[in-house]
Structures are given as C-alpha cells and as structure tokens.
Amino acid sequence: MNHQHDGHESPPSFWSSRYAIGLVVIGGVAAYFLLTEHLAHVVGALPFLLLLACPLMHIFMHGGHGGHGGHGGHGQSKPDAKKTTESRNEGDSR
C-alpha cells in the first residue's frame, strides 16, 4: 500500500504525552495526602456538597427535555382505537 501524506499531521494529544501522565500521578498523590491529612474537613463539607448537588443536577440533567415551555400533552394521551374496541368487545361478552 502506498500512503500519501499531505503534510497535515495532527500533533499528538497532550493527554497521551508523558507530561500528562506525570501530572496525573502528581495530582493523585497530592489528592491522597490532602484527603488523609484533612479528612475531618472533607467529611464536614459533605452535607453542603450534597445540598449543592441538587441545583447542579437540576441544571445539567434537564438537557434532554428540550425546554420547559412546550412539552404539550403530559398525561393527555389519546386512547388507541384497538384498545377501545377490545374493551367494548369484552364488555359485550359478559
């Protein structure tokens, strides 16, 4: 196979470099020591973080709804003609 290159090769991603791996390792070590040394402060903030999670979930989790304005017809579904016919037939046979 003969591959031709235009000279437009994308540079390697930062996250695949060894600098990024070192940054993640150093960040992990720092997070470990912060949690072990300041666990009382982290545990004391948990109730507030739980309360903060409620509005954040409301903001970010409503993305799939398409807005609050035009839902149109919540709970107002039309009955199927087939189901209506079947229910009438059941009533006649009794």
C-alpha atoms as a PDB file:
ATOM      1  CA  MET A   1       0.000   0.000   0.000  1.00  0.00           C
ATOM      2  CA  ASN A   2       1.245   3.412  -0.883  1.00  0.00           C
ATOM      3  CA  HIS A   3       0.136   6.085   1.609  1.00  0.00           C
ATOM      4  CA  GLN A   4       0.380   9.697   0.595  1.00  0.00           C
ATOM      5  CA  HIS A   5       0.631  12.380   3.273  1.00  0.00           C
ATOM      6  CA  ASP A   6      -0.424  15.975   2.758  1.00  0.00           C
ATOM      7  CA  GLY A   7       1.898  17.173   5.489  1.00  0.00           C
ATOM      8  CA  HIS A   8      -1.151  17.872   7.695  1.00  0.00           C
ATOM      9  CA  GLU A   9      -0.451  15.506  10.533  1.00  0.00           C
ATOM     10  CA  SER A  10      -2.119  16.451  13.787  1.00  0.00           C
ATOM     11  CA  PRO A  11       0.197  16.957  16.749  1.00  0.00           C
ATOM     12  CA  PRO A  12      -0.016  14.318  19.474  1.00  0.00           C
ATOM     13  CA  SER A  13      -2.574  14.984  22.170  1.00  0.00           C
ATOM     14  CA  PHE A  14      -1.373  16.430  25.470  1.00  0.00           C
ATOM     15  CA  TRP A  15      -3.100  13.648  27.413  1.00  0.00           C
ATOM     16  CA  SER A  16      -1.093  10.975  25.619  1.00  0.00           C
ATOM     17  CA  SER A  17       2.245  12.595  26.452  1.00  0.00           C
ATOM     18  CA  ARG A  18       4.477  11.606  29.341  1.00  0.00           C
ATOM     19  CA  TYR A  19       3.999  15.062  30.861  1.00  0.00           C
ATOM     20  CA  ALA A  20       0.282  14.422  31.227  1.00  0.00           C
ATOM     21  CA  ILE A  21       0.921  11.052  32.843  1.00  0.00           C
ATOM     22  CA  GLY A  22       3.293  12.695  35.316  1.00  0.00           C
ATOM     23  CA  LEU A  23       0.733  15.427  36.010  1.00  0.00           C
ATOM     24  CA  VAL A  24      -1.969  12.839  36.735  1.00  0.00           C
ATOM     25  CA  VAL A  25       0.348  10.875  39.053  1.00  0.00           C
ATOM     26  CA  ILE A  26       1.401  14.008  40.962  1.00  0.00           C
ATOM     27  CA  GLY A  27      -2.240  15.094  41.187  1.00  0.00           C
ATOM     28  CA  GLY A  28      -3.224  11.690  42.535  1.00  0.00           C
ATOM     29  CA  VAL A  29      -0.511  11.765  45.187  1.00  0.00           C
ATOM     30  CA  ALA A  30      -1.486  15.317  46.182  1.00  0.00           C
ATOM     31  CA  ALA A  31      -5.161  14.342  46.408  1.00  0.00           C
ATOM     32  CA  TYR A  32      -4.282  11.323  48.567  1.00  0.00           C
ATOM     33  CA  PHE A  33      -2.288  13.386  51.062  1.00  0.00           C
ATOM     34  CA  LEU A  34      -4.891  16.150  51.146  1.00  0.00           C
ATOM     35  CA  LEU A  35      -7.635  13.637  51.906  1.00  0.00           C
ATOM     36  CA  THR A  36      -5.653  11.780  54.566  1.00  0.00           C
ATOM     37  CA  GLU A  37      -4.480  14.931  56.329  1.00  0.00           C
ATOM     38  CA  HIS A  38      -7.714  16.906  56.039  1.00  0.00           C
ATOM     39  CA  LEU A  39     -10.321  14.152  56.221  1.00  0.00           C
ATOM     40  CA  ALA A  40     -12.224  15.927  59.024  1.00  0.00           C
ATOM     41  CA  HIS A  41     -12.670  18.998  56.840  1.00  0.00           C
ATOM     42  CA  VAL A  42     -13.822  16.929  53.868  1.00  0.00           C
ATOM     43  CA  VAL A  43     -16.334  14.974  55.982  1.00  0.00           C
ATOM     44  CA  GLY A  44     -17.599  18.239  57.489  1.00  0.00           C
ATOM     45  CA  ALA A  45     -18.288  19.618  54.000  1.00  0.00           C
ATOM     46  CA  LEU A  46     -20.202  16.565  52.735  1.00  0.00           C
ATOM     47  CA  PRO A  47     -23.701  17.797  53.781  1.00  0.00           C
ATOM     48  CA  PHE A  48     -23.085  21.075  51.970  1.00  0.00           C
ATOM     49  CA  LEU A  49     -21.824  19.253  48.890  1.00  0.00           C
ATOM     50  CA  LEU A  50     -24.985  17.144  48.906  1.00  0.00           C
ATOM     51  CA  LEU A  51     -27.122  20.288  49.009  1.00  0.00           C
ATOM     52  CA  LEU A  52     -25.035  21.817  46.226  1.00  0.00           C
ATOM     53  CA  ALA A  53     -25.549  18.700  44.107  1.00  0.00           C
ATOM     54  CA  CYS A  54     -29.325  19.299  43.914  1.00  0.00           C
ATOM     55  CA  PRO A  55     -29.273  22.545  41.896  1.00  0.00           C
ATOM     56  CA  LEU A  56     -26.327  21.331  39.833  1.00  0.00           C
ATOM     57  CA  MET A  57     -28.188  18.150  38.864  1.00  0.00           C
ATOM     58  CA  HIS A  58     -31.273  20.246  38.034  1.00  0.00           C
ATOM     59  CA  ILE A  59     -29.213  22.451  35.714  1.00  0.00           C
ATOM     60  CA  PHE A  60     -27.220  19.736  33.990  1.00  0.00           C
ATOM     61  CA  MET A  61     -29.689  16.837  33.951  1.00  0.00           C
ATOM     62  CA  HIS A  62     -32.516  18.693  32.202  1.00  0.00           C
ATOM     63  CA  GLY A  63     -30.594  18.839  28.929  1.00  0.00           C
ATOM     64  CA  GLY A  64     -32.596  16.054  27.308  1.00  0.00           C
ATOM     65  CA  HIS A  65     -36.016  17.579  27.935  1.00  0.00           C
ATOM     66  CA  GLY A  66     -35.843  20.229  25.234  1.00  0.00           C
ATOM     67  CA  GLY A  67     -37.001  23.051  27.479  1.00  0.00           C
ATOM     68  CA  HIS A  68     -39.875  23.532  29.887  1.00  0.00           C
ATOM     69  CA  GLY A  69     -42.165  25.539  27.598  1.00  0.00           C
ATOM     70  CA  GLY A  70     -43.620  23.174  25.021  1.00  0.00           C
ATOM     71  CA  HIS A  71     -43.993  19.699  26.430  1.00  0.00           C
ATOM     72  CA  GLY A  72     -47.574  19.553  25.181  1.00  0.00           C
ATOM     73  CA  GLY A  73     -49.880  16.911  26.500  1.00  0.00           C
ATOM     74  CA  HIS A  74     -48.347  15.413  29.603  1.00  0.00           C
ATOM     75  CA  GLY A  75     -50.758  12.721  30.673  1.00  0.00           C
ATOM     76  CA  GLN A  76     -53.246  13.548  27.913  1.00  0.00           C
ATOM     77  CA  SER A  77     -52.707  10.583  25.653  1.00  0.00           C
ATOM     78  CA  LYS A  78     -55.434   9.544  23.244  1.00  0.00           C
ATOM     79  CA  PRO A  79     -56.723   6.011  23.704  1.00  0.00           C
ATOM     80  CA  ASP A  80     -55.827   3.568  20.954  1.00  0.00           C
ATOM     81  CA  ALA A  81     -58.685   2.599  18.705  1.00  0.00           C
ATOM     82  CA  LYS A  82     -57.699  -1.068  19.045  1.00  0.00           C
ATOM     83  CA  LYS A  83     -57.744  -0.953  22.852  1.00  0.00           C
ATOM     84  CA  THR A  84     -61.098   0.846  22.839  1.00  0.00           C
ATOM     85  CA  THR A  85     -62.575  -1.757  20.501  1.00  0.00           C
ATOM     86  CA  GLU A  86     -61.198  -4.632  22.590  1.00  0.00           C
ATOM     87  CA  SER A  87     -62.603  -3.190  25.800  1.00  0.00           C
ATOM     88  CA  ARG A  88     -66.045  -2.826  24.184  1.00  0.00           C
ATOM     89  CA  ASN A  89     -65.921  -6.428  22.953  1.00  0.00           C
ATOM     90  CA  GLU A  90     -65.020  -7.684  26.424  1.00  0.00           C
ATOM     91  CA  GLY A  91     -67.966  -5.820  27.901  1.00  0.00           C
ATOM     92  CA  ASP A  92     -70.400  -7.350  25.392  1.00  0.00           C
ATOM     93  CA  SER A  93     -69.312 -10.933  26.064  1.00  0.00           C
ATOM     94  CA  ARG A  94     -70.045 -10.755  29.772  1.00  0.00           C
END
